[in-house]
């Protein structure tokens, strides 16, 4: 997944991106996704990439960084027990 960070007066964009990267590559990310019980498991993020200056909707120059974050996806397939009549599974040996 690609993330884009846009700077503001309170925090520089590179500081914002690095703070996110540190947390994402630590146990923080796993804890955040675990509470929502979603099938996404955070793996790691790339380093922040400083991009050319961004011009916003108000023609103001803003600093911009981006980074890619990687997840592992574990979809679960379930069958409602009350409506199931038969389940056939093939297993390769």
Protein backbone atom coordinates (compact mmCIF):
# COMPACT_ATOMS: atom_id res chain seq x y z
CA UNK A 1 0.00 0.00 0.00
CA UNK A 2 1.37 3.42 -0.83
CA UNK A 3 1.17 6.22 1.74
CA UNK A 4 1.68 9.92 1.08
CA UNK A 5 2.60 12.41 3.79
CA UNK A 6 2.04 16.14 3.34
CA UNK A 7 3.90 18.56 5.60
CA UNK A 8 2.35 21.32 7.68
CA UNK A 9 3.49 24.10 10.03
CA UNK A 10 3.35 21.88 13.14
CA UNK A 11 5.51 18.97 12.00
CA UNK A 12 7.94 18.59 9.10
CA UNK A 13 6.93 15.96 6.57
CA UNK A 14 10.10 13.88 6.88
CA UNK A 15 9.76 13.76 10.66
CA UNK A 16 6.12 12.64 10.26
CA UNK A 17 7.04 9.89 7.77
CA UNK A 18 9.95 8.62 9.88
CA UNK A 19 7.79 8.53 13.03
CA UNK A 20 5.19 6.45 11.18
CA UNK A 21 7.85 4.13 9.76
CA UNK A 22 9.36 3.49 13.19
CA UNK A 23 5.96 2.62 14.64
CA UNK A 24 4.89 0.53 11.66
CA UNK A 25 8.07 -1.56 11.80
CA UNK A 26 7.57 -2.16 15.52
CA UNK A 27 4.89 -4.05 17.45
CA UNK A 28 2.64 -0.95 17.33
CA UNK A 29 1.28 -1.80 13.87
CA UNK A 30 0.41 -5.38 14.81
CA UNK A 31 -1.40 -4.17 17.92
CA UNK A 32 -3.39 -1.61 15.92
CA UNK A 33 -4.62 -4.12 13.35
CA UNK A 34 -5.23 -6.85 15.92
CA UNK A 35 -7.88 -4.78 17.69
CA UNK A 36 -9.96 -4.61 14.50
CA UNK A 37 -9.75 -8.36 13.85
CA UNK A 38 -9.02 -7.86 10.16
CA UNK A 39 -7.10 -10.35 8.01
CA UNK A 40 -4.25 -7.86 7.37
CA UNK A 41 -0.95 -8.41 9.16
CA UNK A 42 1.63 -5.61 8.87
CA UNK A 43 5.06 -6.75 7.73
CA UNK A 44 7.37 -3.78 7.09
CA UNK A 45 7.69 -0.42 5.36
CA UNK A 46 10.19 1.06 2.95
CA UNK A 47 12.18 4.16 3.83
CA UNK A 48 10.50 7.50 3.25
CA UNK A 49 11.02 8.90 -0.23
CA UNK A 50 11.20 12.69 -0.40
CA UNK A 51 9.30 13.88 -3.47
CA UNK A 52 9.29 17.20 -5.33
CA UNK A 53 7.42 20.03 -3.69
CA UNK A 54 3.63 19.66 -3.86
CA UNK A 55 1.30 22.56 -4.70
CA UNK A 56 -2.01 22.25 -2.85
CA UNK A 57 -5.51 23.47 -3.79
CA UNK A 58 -4.71 26.92 -2.39
CA UNK A 59 -1.55 27.24 -4.53
CA UNK A 60 0.63 26.83 -1.43
CA UNK A 61 3.88 24.88 -1.59
CA UNK A 62 3.91 21.82 0.66
CA UNK A 63 6.60 19.26 1.40
CA UNK A 64 5.69 15.71 0.39
CA UNK A 65 7.02 12.23 1.23
CA UNK A 66 5.79 8.80 0.30
CA UNK A 67 6.49 5.23 1.36
CA UNK A 68 5.25 1.76 0.63
CA UNK A 69 4.00 -0.43 3.46
CA UNK A 70 3.58 -4.17 3.12
CA UNK A 71 0.98 -6.47 4.62
CA UNK A 72 0.31 -10.17 4.69
CA UNK A 73 -3.32 -11.05 3.89
CA UNK A 74 -5.04 -14.08 5.39
CA UNK A 75 -8.61 -14.36 4.16
CA UNK A 76 -10.73 -16.84 6.01
CA UNK A 77 -13.55 -18.69 4.36
CA UNK A 78 -16.39 -19.85 6.54
CA UNK A 79 -19.50 -21.89 6.01
CA UNK A 80 -22.58 -21.26 8.08
CA UNK A 81 -23.12 -24.51 9.96
CA UNK A 82 -26.91 -24.30 9.96
CA UNK A 83 -27.17 -24.08 6.16
CA UNK A 84 -24.36 -26.50 5.26
CA UNK A 85 -25.44 -29.93 4.08
CA UNK A 86 -22.09 -31.31 3.04
CA UNK A 87 -18.46 -30.15 2.95
CA UNK A 88 -16.01 -31.92 0.64
CA UNK A 89 -12.32 -31.02 0.86
CA UNK A 90 -9.52 -32.41 -1.29
CA UNK A 91 -6.17 -32.70 0.40
CA UNK A 92 -2.95 -33.13 -1.55
CA UNK A 93 -0.53 -35.57 0.07
